Amino acid sequence: MEIFEKNDKRTHYCGTLSEKNVGESVCVVGWCQRQRDLGGLIFIDLRDRTGIVQLAFDDNTDKAIFDKAFSVRSEYVLCAKGIVRPRGEGAVNDQLATGAIEIAVSEFKVLSEAQTPPFPIVENSTTNSETRMTYRFLDLRRPDMQYNLMARSQISGIARQYFAENGFVDLETPTLIKPTPEGARDYLVPSRVHPGCFYALPQSPQLYKQMLMYAGFDRYFQIARCYRDEDLRADRQPEFTQIDLEMSFADEEDIIRLNEGFMERIFKDFMHMPLKTPFQRITYAEAMRRFGSDKPDTRFGMELCDLSDVVKNCGFSVFSSCIENGGSVRGINVPGGASMSRKEIDSLTDFVKTYGAKGLAWYKNAAEAPSSSFAKFLSDEETKAILDTIGANIGDLVLIVAAKDSVVFDSLGALRCEVAKRLNMIPKGVYNFLWVTEFPLFEYDEEDGRYYSKHHPFTMPMEEDMEKLSTDPGAVRSRAYDIVLNGTELGGGSVRVHTVERQKQMFTALGITEEEAEEKFGFLLRALHYGIPPHLGLAYGLDRLVALLLGTEDIREVIAFPKVQNASELMSGAPSFADCAALNELHLQICSSEEEK
């Protein structure tokens, strides 16, 4: 290995060289992608984060340098100086941005050697996820991963610039805060100087950004780190990043217009394509009725159809008894779905069962020999009424779920997306944005026997629903809104409560006593006595936004060092045990569970 000296500083990144540089003396540094020994000729593909350039060693190369190049292996770190020249006739590589040129090397150093990596450093790796995460520092050398993270950086930069142009002040909020009593589990941090007390890592900067509005900053922005101790999914991580904002003296129209402008900027500067605004808006109730989801994918049809009135008096007890018990019967019509086999339909039945449905009724409206799981229980007129109501044509497949509304919506909402994927009904390169508004203010937890906030307890109710707060909390709508892209929630927000009287009403509706409110939110209630402006906000999931724009379903592909399914980080081995001395200093003792005992 050789020493990296002052005159070894690079003059160009590998991927930036072109025919314009022919004849120039350059210095490049990077990693060996591969070495090819052709006898009296050696080629090395040198890689950095911008791309690959070919280094050439031939009869004109100093023998010591030629011999050194001969010993180079994959992932050696190299420094090369030489003259840029055109490649020989027939040697141009059209698949490479620098494929028309090469560097005739005159000076060469091996700065660091490398063992053979556990997997190839190439795009579109088929290496299993566990190995990739264990050797994440190698995985991040792959060009597609480097592109993803540089894209994330670019999108973050666009966000900072856009919101700064619109008068937002970039302010940091604390990451050691008071534990929250609502929502997902907090990550707790023990305090050494306050024995027995704990900080929490923030699930969001919610209360602090509201306090910044109370303080008169008017418009706040932050790219904020947030933490939730909850089960992981493809679009969830225990630590994640939000594009977070809050603004005063504004309403829903202002924040919607502002954020449609932000999406226009993202698509113009990053995606290099125009975006049509304003976006479609639908209420939560309409979204559930039409799509069975509060984040509907509107790139394809197959909207839900309510068949309850058609089948409420039919002879099929699965349908009629469900309606008698307060449920509903709804279905979707799959265009061309009659071509699906019975085995495929059975797999769809298993699919909806994971969402709580007991089964899936179906009708294959084939041109010849139609078949069904329920037609034998109905008259021909009743079956025809179902097909007419749902709009089934010859060759279509009707899929029906009968259950309580929440199960019907969950199962059919997921089913329409699953069928669309299986039948390739989702158009490529289409970006359908929409706003979903008027969410329920509360949701009822049957297990706990009480209401919880749908978003958080600082969300303003719709004014016309205020009288229902004490009589029918489940019917109260909120001034909340989500921005949705292609069936994924990109972000959400709401108008905030800004008077102490209204905030106390919210706490009462949630079953929070005055004593509890004072203990948990005393600082908020005190602040509300000191002239608070009307304000509202929104937060995007940056990881999710970047993943969607890059077309990947797993947000781990756009995070430098993500966690795996059990919330561990395989490269460093986090989390790990702390030694007794550290625990004693924090006044902590580890107690074994009954199972471990």
Foldseek 3Di string as FASTA:
>chain_A
DDDCDPVLDWPDEAQVDAPVQAFPKTKYKAWFLAWDPPDQKIWTWGDDQNFTAIEIEHPPEDPVVVVVSVPAGGGFIKMFIAGKHFDDPPQADPVGSHRGIHGHTHDMDRPGHDDDDPARLEPPDPDDPLSCLQVLVSVCRRNLLSVLQVLLVVLVVLLVVLVVVVLADEDDDDQFADAADDDAHWDWAFDLVDFPDTTTGAQDCVVVQLVVLLVPSFKYWYFDKHAGPDFDDLPDFRIFTKGWMKGFPDAPVVVLVSVVVSVQSCCCPPVVDGDDDDAAEDAQVVCCQFQLDLFAQPQFHFTKFWCLVLPCPWQPCLRNVLVVVPATKIKTKAALVLPDDPVVVVVLQVQLVVLPFPGKWKWRQAPPDTDTPCVVRGDPVSVVVVCVRNVYDHNMMMIMTRHHSNSRSRSRNVSVVVVCVVVVVRDPPDKHKYKYFFAQQWDADPVVRFIAGPVHLFFAWDPVCVVCLVPPSRPITTQKMFMHISRHTFKIKHWTDQALVRSVSSCVSRVHDPVNCCVNPVVVSVSSVPDRGGMMIMMGRSLVVSCVSVVHSGSVSNDSFGADRVNARNNVGPPDDDDPVVCVSSVHDDDDDPVVD
